[in-house]
Protein backbone atom coordinates (compact mmCIF):
# COMPACT_ATOMS: atom_id res chain seq x y z
CA UNK A 1 0.22 0.02 -0.09
CA UNK A 2 1.36 3.36 -0.95
CA UNK A 3 2.04 6.12 1.80
CA UNK A 4 -1.10 8.33 0.28
CA UNK A 5 -3.56 5.53 1.64
CA UNK A 6 -2.22 5.78 5.38
CA UNK A 7 -4.20 7.81 7.83
CA UNK A 8 -1.55 10.34 9.75
CA UNK A 9 -2.91 8.91 12.98
CA UNK A 10 -1.99 5.21 11.87
CA UNK A 11 1.84 6.63 11.58
CA UNK A 12 4.09 5.32 14.26
CA UNK A 13 6.49 7.79 15.75
CA UNK A 14 9.92 7.12 15.73
CA UNK A 15 11.19 7.68 18.98
CA UNK A 16 14.51 9.85 19.42
CA UNK A 17 17.15 7.92 21.67
CA UNK A 18 19.73 9.75 22.91
CA UNK A 19 22.83 7.25 21.70
CA UNK A 20 24.86 5.68 23.81
CA UNK A 21 28.81 6.77 24.44
CA UNK A 22 30.54 6.42 21.57
CA UNK A 23 32.49 3.33 20.68
CA UNK A 24 34.40 3.71 17.55
CA UNK A 25 33.74 1.11 14.86
CA UNK A 26 35.82 -2.13 15.02
CA UNK A 27 36.83 -1.28 18.69
CA UNK A 28 36.34 -4.10 21.31
CA UNK A 29 33.69 -2.89 23.93
CA UNK A 30 35.83 -3.80 27.01
CA UNK A 31 33.92 -3.26 30.34
CA UNK A 32 35.03 -4.07 34.29
CA UNK A 33 32.70 -6.45 35.81
CA UNK A 34 31.57 -3.45 37.84
CA UNK A 35 30.64 -1.77 34.46
CA UNK A 36 28.80 -5.10 33.28
CA UNK A 37 26.76 -4.93 36.58
CA UNK A 38 25.63 -1.51 35.71
CA UNK A 39 24.66 -2.22 32.37
CA UNK A 40 22.59 -5.23 33.60
CA UNK A 41 21.08 -3.01 36.13
CA UNK A 42 20.09 -0.49 33.61
CA UNK A 43 18.54 -3.08 31.35
CA UNK A 44 16.36 -4.65 34.76
CA UNK A 45 15.45 -1.09 35.30
CA UNK A 46 13.90 -0.41 31.76
CA UNK A 47 12.10 -3.70 32.04
CA UNK A 48 10.71 -2.80 35.00
CA UNK A 49 9.47 0.69 33.82
CA UNK A 50 8.17 -1.43 30.68
CA UNK A 51 5.99 -3.44 32.87
CA UNK A 52 4.65 -0.65 34.73
CA UNK A 53 3.12 1.04 31.86
CA UNK A 54 0.26 -1.48 31.72
CA UNK A 55 -1.83 -3.09 29.12
CA UNK A 56 -3.73 -0.37 27.51
CA UNK A 57 -1.86 1.25 24.60
CA UNK A 58 -3.11 5.09 24.69
CA UNK A 59 -0.82 7.02 22.37
CA UNK A 60 1.53 8.09 24.98
CA UNK A 61 1.79 4.40 26.80
CA UNK A 62 2.62 3.63 22.90
CA UNK A 63 5.12 6.16 22.24
CA UNK A 64 6.42 5.56 26.01
CA UNK A 65 6.99 1.81 25.35
CA UNK A 66 8.51 2.76 21.74
CA UNK A 67 11.25 4.83 23.55
CA UNK A 68 12.02 2.02 25.97
CA UNK A 69 11.99 -0.78 23.39
CA UNK A 70 14.56 1.50 21.51
CA UNK A 71 16.35 2.11 24.55
CA UNK A 72 16.50 -1.61 25.29
CA UNK A 73 17.69 -2.23 21.77
CA UNK A 74 20.60 0.04 22.17
CA UNK A 75 21.65 -1.45 25.55
CA UNK A 76 21.14 -5.20 24.51
CA UNK A 77 23.21 -4.61 21.63
CA UNK A 78 26.20 -3.25 24.33
CA UNK A 79 25.47 -6.03 26.20
CA UNK A 80 26.11 -8.90 23.87
CA UNK A 81 29.31 -7.01 22.50
CA UNK A 82 30.79 -6.48 25.77
CA UNK A 83 33.99 -8.22 26.82
CA UNK A 84 34.61 -8.28 30.56
CA UNK A 85 38.25 -7.73 31.12
CA UNK A 86 39.39 -9.91 34.26
CA UNK A 87 41.62 -7.08 35.99
CA UNK A 88 43.51 -9.55 38.03
CA UNK A 89 44.95 -11.11 35.06
CA UNK A 90 46.77 -8.04 33.77
CA UNK A 91 50.28 -6.93 34.23
CA UNK A 92 49.88 -5.15 37.68
CA UNK A 93 52.91 -3.21 37.66
CA UNK A 94 51.78 -1.21 33.97
CA UNK A 95 48.59 0.71 33.50
CA UNK A 96 46.34 -1.52 31.53
CA UNK A 97 42.53 -1.38 31.18
CA UNK A 98 41.09 -1.17 34.47
CA UNK A 99 43.99 0.35 36.39
CA UNK A 100 43.37 3.03 38.93
CA UNK A 101 46.04 5.30 38.31
CA UNK A 102 47.39 8.42 41.05
CA UNK A 103 48.87 10.99 38.57
CA UNK A 104 50.70 14.51 39.35
CA UNK A 105 50.02 16.89 36.86
CA UNK A 106 53.45 18.64 36.44
CA UNK A 107 52.17 21.98 35.48
CA UNK A 108 49.81 22.64 38.27
CA UNK A 109 51.28 20.45 40.74
CA UNK A 110 48.46 18.40 41.44
CA UNK A 111 47.50 15.19 42.35
CA UNK A 112 44.42 13.37 40.82
CA UNK A 113 43.18 9.59 40.38
CA UNK A 114 41.59 8.15 37.45
CA UNK A 115 40.42 4.55 36.49
CA UNK A 116 40.54 3.29 33.08
CA UNK A 117 37.05 1.98 32.03
CA UNK A 118 34.73 1.31 29.03
CA UNK A 119 32.70 3.79 27.47
CA UNK A 120 29.44 3.16 28.99
CA UNK A 121 31.19 3.43 32.34
CA UNK A 122 33.13 6.55 32.06
CA UNK A 123 32.21 9.48 33.99
CA UNK A 124 34.90 12.22 34.41
CA UNK A 125 32.81 13.64 37.76
CA UNK A 126 33.69 10.02 39.18
CA UNK A 127 37.08 9.88 37.97
CA UNK A 128 36.54 7.13 35.56
CA UNK A 129 37.86 7.68 31.94
CA UNK A 130 37.03 5.84 28.82
CA UNK A 131 39.58 3.66 27.68
CA UNK A 132 39.28 5.43 24.31
CA UNK A 133 39.96 8.84 25.37
CA UNK A 134 43.18 10.49 24.51
CA UNK A 135 44.30 10.80 28.40
CA UNK A 136 43.62 6.73 28.58
CA UNK A 137 45.76 6.00 25.38
CA UNK A 138 48.57 8.49 26.45
CA UNK A 139 48.84 6.31 30.03
CA UNK A 140 48.49 2.91 28.89
CA UNK A 141 51.53 0.84 29.08
CA UNK A 142 53.27 3.22 31.58
CA UNK A 143 54.77 2.25 34.75
CA UNK A 144 55.24 4.08 38.19
CA UNK A 145 57.54 6.90 37.85
CA UNK A 146 57.12 7.29 33.79
CA UNK A 147 55.60 10.41 32.49
CA UNK A 148 52.76 10.37 29.89
CA UNK A 149 52.18 13.64 27.75
CA UNK A 150 48.73 14.60 26.56
CA UNK A 151 49.35 17.02 23.33
CA UNK A 152 47.15 19.83 23.15
CA UNK A 153 46.58 22.80 21.07
CA UNK A 154 47.69 25.42 23.66
CA UNK A 155 49.88 23.49 25.62
CA UNK A 156 51.10 19.87 26.40
CA UNK A 157 50.00 18.35 29.78
CA UNK A 158 52.58 16.23 31.19
CA UNK A 159 51.65 13.50 33.82
CA UNK A 160 53.95 11.77 36.00
CA UNK A 161 52.87 8.30 37.55
CA UNK A 162 52.70 8.10 41.01
CA UNK A 163 50.67 4.94 41.77
CA UNK A 164 49.04 1.80 39.74
CA UNK A 165 46.49 -0.18 41.40
CA UNK A 166 43.65 -2.35 40.30
CA UNK A 167 40.26 -3.15 41.98
CA UNK A 168 39.76 -6.49 43.82
CA UNK A 169 37.65 -8.88 41.50
């Protein structure tokens, strides 16, 4: 049937869903166990929200259901492609995925702590940076005492690695 014979009220709205954190094409979706637990909890929350919508399909409920289903589809893809890293199996004296790193920012003479995590786990306010970020890439494979340089347009930032730790499994 051509689109000309479809009533406008019958047109299903395509839900606008905010995309998940960027994961470049071809890059493995590494996550910590805590990150996988967060993804699974988010999925359960969406399933519970979907269940609370009830059986009647008024327009608003149908739109809400479509929105939840679209979010679940994105989330299911992330969960299906996730590869949980076993942090205790890494070289513990080097910065790798999952490492918690204490750094001195030399120009500012300030200490900061970051953990390198998956893209869905990243939250700078909690000190968690994605393994795909420029800072994480500059830190990977460094050891205590090494310096990492983050190239920037104005001035490069130099970080001295003070400590490396991995959370218990």
